N, C-alpha and C. Protein backbone atom coordinates (compact mmCIF):
# COMPACT_ATOMS: atom_id res chain seq x y z
N MET A 1 7.70 -7.54 12.29
CA MET A 1 7.37 -6.14 12.49
C MET A 1 6.14 -5.82 11.65
N ARG A 2 5.11 -5.36 12.28
CA ARG A 2 3.86 -5.10 11.58
C ARG A 2 3.80 -3.70 10.96
N GLU A 3 4.38 -2.76 11.58
CA GLU A 3 4.33 -1.37 11.11
C GLU A 3 5.74 -0.86 10.87
N TRP A 4 5.87 0.14 10.02
CA TRP A 4 7.16 0.77 9.81
C TRP A 4 7.03 2.25 10.13
N VAL A 5 8.12 2.83 10.50
CA VAL A 5 8.15 4.25 10.86
C VAL A 5 9.28 4.92 10.10
N TYR A 6 9.00 6.06 9.50
CA TYR A 6 10.02 6.83 8.80
C TYR A 6 10.47 7.96 9.72
N TYR A 7 11.74 8.00 10.05
CA TYR A 7 12.26 8.99 10.98
C TYR A 7 12.99 10.14 10.30
N GLY A 8 12.84 10.30 9.02
CA GLY A 8 13.55 11.37 8.33
C GLY A 8 15.01 10.98 8.13
N ALA A 9 15.50 11.18 6.94
CA ALA A 9 16.86 10.76 6.64
C ALA A 9 17.68 11.97 6.24
N TYR A 10 18.88 12.01 6.74
CA TYR A 10 19.81 13.08 6.40
C TYR A 10 21.08 12.43 5.89
N ARG A 11 21.15 12.28 4.59
CA ARG A 11 22.29 11.59 3.98
C ARG A 11 23.44 12.56 3.83
N THR A 12 24.53 12.26 4.52
CA THR A 12 25.70 13.13 4.46
C THR A 12 26.86 12.45 3.75
N SER A 13 26.67 11.24 3.32
CA SER A 13 27.73 10.48 2.64
C SER A 13 27.31 10.20 1.21
N SER A 14 28.28 10.07 0.33
CA SER A 14 27.98 9.74 -1.06
C SER A 14 27.92 8.23 -1.27
N LYS A 15 28.10 7.46 -0.22
CA LYS A 15 28.06 6.01 -0.33
C LYS A 15 26.63 5.52 -0.51
N PRO A 16 26.44 4.42 -1.25
CA PRO A 16 25.10 3.87 -1.44
C PRO A 16 24.51 3.37 -0.12
N VAL A 17 23.20 3.38 -0.06
CA VAL A 17 22.48 2.90 1.12
C VAL A 17 21.54 1.80 0.67
N LEU A 18 21.47 0.71 1.42
CA LEU A 18 20.58 -0.40 1.13
C LEU A 18 19.58 -0.51 2.27
N VAL A 19 18.29 -0.49 1.94
CA VAL A 19 17.25 -0.63 2.93
C VAL A 19 16.48 -1.91 2.62
N LEU A 20 16.33 -2.78 3.61
CA LEU A 20 15.60 -4.03 3.44
C LEU A 20 14.28 -3.96 4.18
N THR A 21 13.22 -4.45 3.55
CA THR A 21 11.92 -4.50 4.20
C THR A 21 11.34 -5.90 4.02
N SER A 22 10.38 -6.23 4.86
CA SER A 22 9.75 -7.54 4.73
C SER A 22 8.54 -7.51 3.81
N LEU A 23 8.02 -6.33 3.52
CA LEU A 23 6.86 -6.20 2.65
C LEU A 23 7.17 -5.25 1.49
N VAL A 24 6.74 -5.64 0.30
CA VAL A 24 6.97 -4.81 -0.89
C VAL A 24 6.27 -3.47 -0.75
N LYS A 25 5.08 -3.44 -0.16
CA LYS A 25 4.36 -2.16 -0.03
C LYS A 25 5.14 -1.18 0.84
N HIS A 26 5.88 -1.67 1.82
CA HIS A 26 6.71 -0.78 2.63
C HIS A 26 7.89 -0.26 1.82
N ALA A 27 8.49 -1.13 1.02
CA ALA A 27 9.60 -0.72 0.15
C ALA A 27 9.12 0.35 -0.84
N GLU A 28 7.94 0.16 -1.40
CA GLU A 28 7.40 1.14 -2.35
C GLU A 28 7.14 2.48 -1.68
N ALA A 29 6.62 2.46 -0.46
CA ALA A 29 6.36 3.70 0.27
C ALA A 29 7.67 4.43 0.59
N LEU A 30 8.67 3.69 1.07
CA LEU A 30 9.96 4.31 1.36
C LEU A 30 10.63 4.83 0.10
N HIS A 31 10.45 4.14 -1.00
CA HIS A 31 11.00 4.58 -2.29
C HIS A 31 10.41 5.92 -2.69
N GLU A 32 9.11 6.06 -2.54
CA GLU A 32 8.45 7.32 -2.88
C GLU A 32 8.94 8.46 -1.99
N ILE A 33 9.11 8.20 -0.72
CA ILE A 33 9.62 9.23 0.21
C ILE A 33 11.03 9.64 -0.19
N ALA A 34 11.88 8.66 -0.47
CA ALA A 34 13.28 8.94 -0.80
C ALA A 34 13.40 9.68 -2.13
N ARG A 35 12.54 9.37 -3.09
CA ARG A 35 12.60 10.04 -4.41
C ARG A 35 12.37 11.53 -4.31
N VAL A 36 11.62 11.96 -3.31
CA VAL A 36 11.37 13.38 -3.12
C VAL A 36 12.65 14.10 -2.71
N LYS A 37 13.49 13.42 -1.94
CA LYS A 37 14.68 14.05 -1.38
C LYS A 37 15.94 13.89 -2.24
N TRP A 38 16.11 12.71 -2.87
CA TRP A 38 17.34 12.43 -3.60
C TRP A 38 17.06 12.13 -5.06
N ASP A 39 18.04 12.46 -5.92
CA ASP A 39 17.89 12.27 -7.36
C ASP A 39 17.93 10.80 -7.76
N GLU A 40 18.88 10.06 -7.25
CA GLU A 40 19.07 8.67 -7.69
C GLU A 40 18.63 7.70 -6.60
N VAL A 41 17.45 7.16 -6.77
CA VAL A 41 16.92 6.18 -5.83
C VAL A 41 16.35 5.03 -6.65
N ALA A 42 16.75 3.82 -6.33
CA ALA A 42 16.28 2.65 -7.06
C ALA A 42 15.49 1.75 -6.13
N LEU A 43 14.50 1.07 -6.69
CA LEU A 43 13.72 0.09 -5.95
C LEU A 43 13.93 -1.26 -6.61
N VAL A 44 14.40 -2.22 -5.84
CA VAL A 44 14.63 -3.57 -6.36
C VAL A 44 13.77 -4.52 -5.55
N THR A 45 12.87 -5.22 -6.23
CA THR A 45 12.04 -6.24 -5.60
C THR A 45 12.23 -7.55 -6.35
N GLY A 46 11.51 -8.55 -5.93
CA GLY A 46 11.63 -9.86 -6.56
C GLY A 46 11.21 -9.90 -8.02
N VAL A 47 10.46 -8.92 -8.48
CA VAL A 47 10.01 -8.91 -9.87
C VAL A 47 11.03 -8.28 -10.82
N VAL A 48 12.07 -7.65 -10.27
CA VAL A 48 13.11 -7.04 -11.11
C VAL A 48 14.00 -8.16 -11.64
N LYS A 49 14.14 -8.23 -12.95
CA LYS A 49 14.94 -9.27 -13.61
C LYS A 49 16.42 -9.13 -13.26
N GLY A 50 17.14 -10.24 -13.32
CA GLY A 50 18.54 -10.30 -12.94
C GLY A 50 19.43 -9.29 -13.64
N GLY A 51 19.27 -9.11 -14.96
CA GLY A 51 20.09 -8.17 -15.70
C GLY A 51 19.86 -6.74 -15.27
N GLU A 52 18.61 -6.39 -15.08
CA GLU A 52 18.27 -5.03 -14.63
C GLU A 52 18.77 -4.82 -13.20
N ARG A 53 18.66 -5.84 -12.37
CA ARG A 53 19.13 -5.77 -10.99
C ARG A 53 20.63 -5.53 -10.95
N GLU A 54 21.38 -6.25 -11.79
CA GLU A 54 22.83 -6.06 -11.88
C GLU A 54 23.18 -4.62 -12.23
N THR A 55 22.47 -4.08 -13.22
CA THR A 55 22.70 -2.70 -13.66
C THR A 55 22.47 -1.73 -12.52
N ILE A 56 21.40 -1.92 -11.77
CA ILE A 56 21.07 -1.04 -10.65
C ILE A 56 22.16 -1.10 -9.60
N PHE A 57 22.59 -2.31 -9.24
CA PHE A 57 23.62 -2.46 -8.21
C PHE A 57 24.97 -1.93 -8.65
N LYS A 58 25.29 -2.03 -9.92
CA LYS A 58 26.56 -1.50 -10.41
C LYS A 58 26.58 0.02 -10.40
N ARG A 59 25.42 0.65 -10.60
CA ARG A 59 25.32 2.12 -10.55
C ARG A 59 25.59 2.65 -9.15
N GLY A 60 25.18 1.88 -8.13
CA GLY A 60 25.26 2.30 -6.74
C GLY A 60 26.62 2.63 -6.31
């Protein structure tokens, strides 16, 4: 997939959501969009160390 499209998100559940992308720049863009709408949004990429990653996933 070469391009991504954001269709607006309406989160009605308190359950965590996981979004996977093939490019880090797309993940970063979606992270910025989500941060505007929701208080707790985390971005995990390959550069996030294992301990920090565990902490993020446990918070979810």
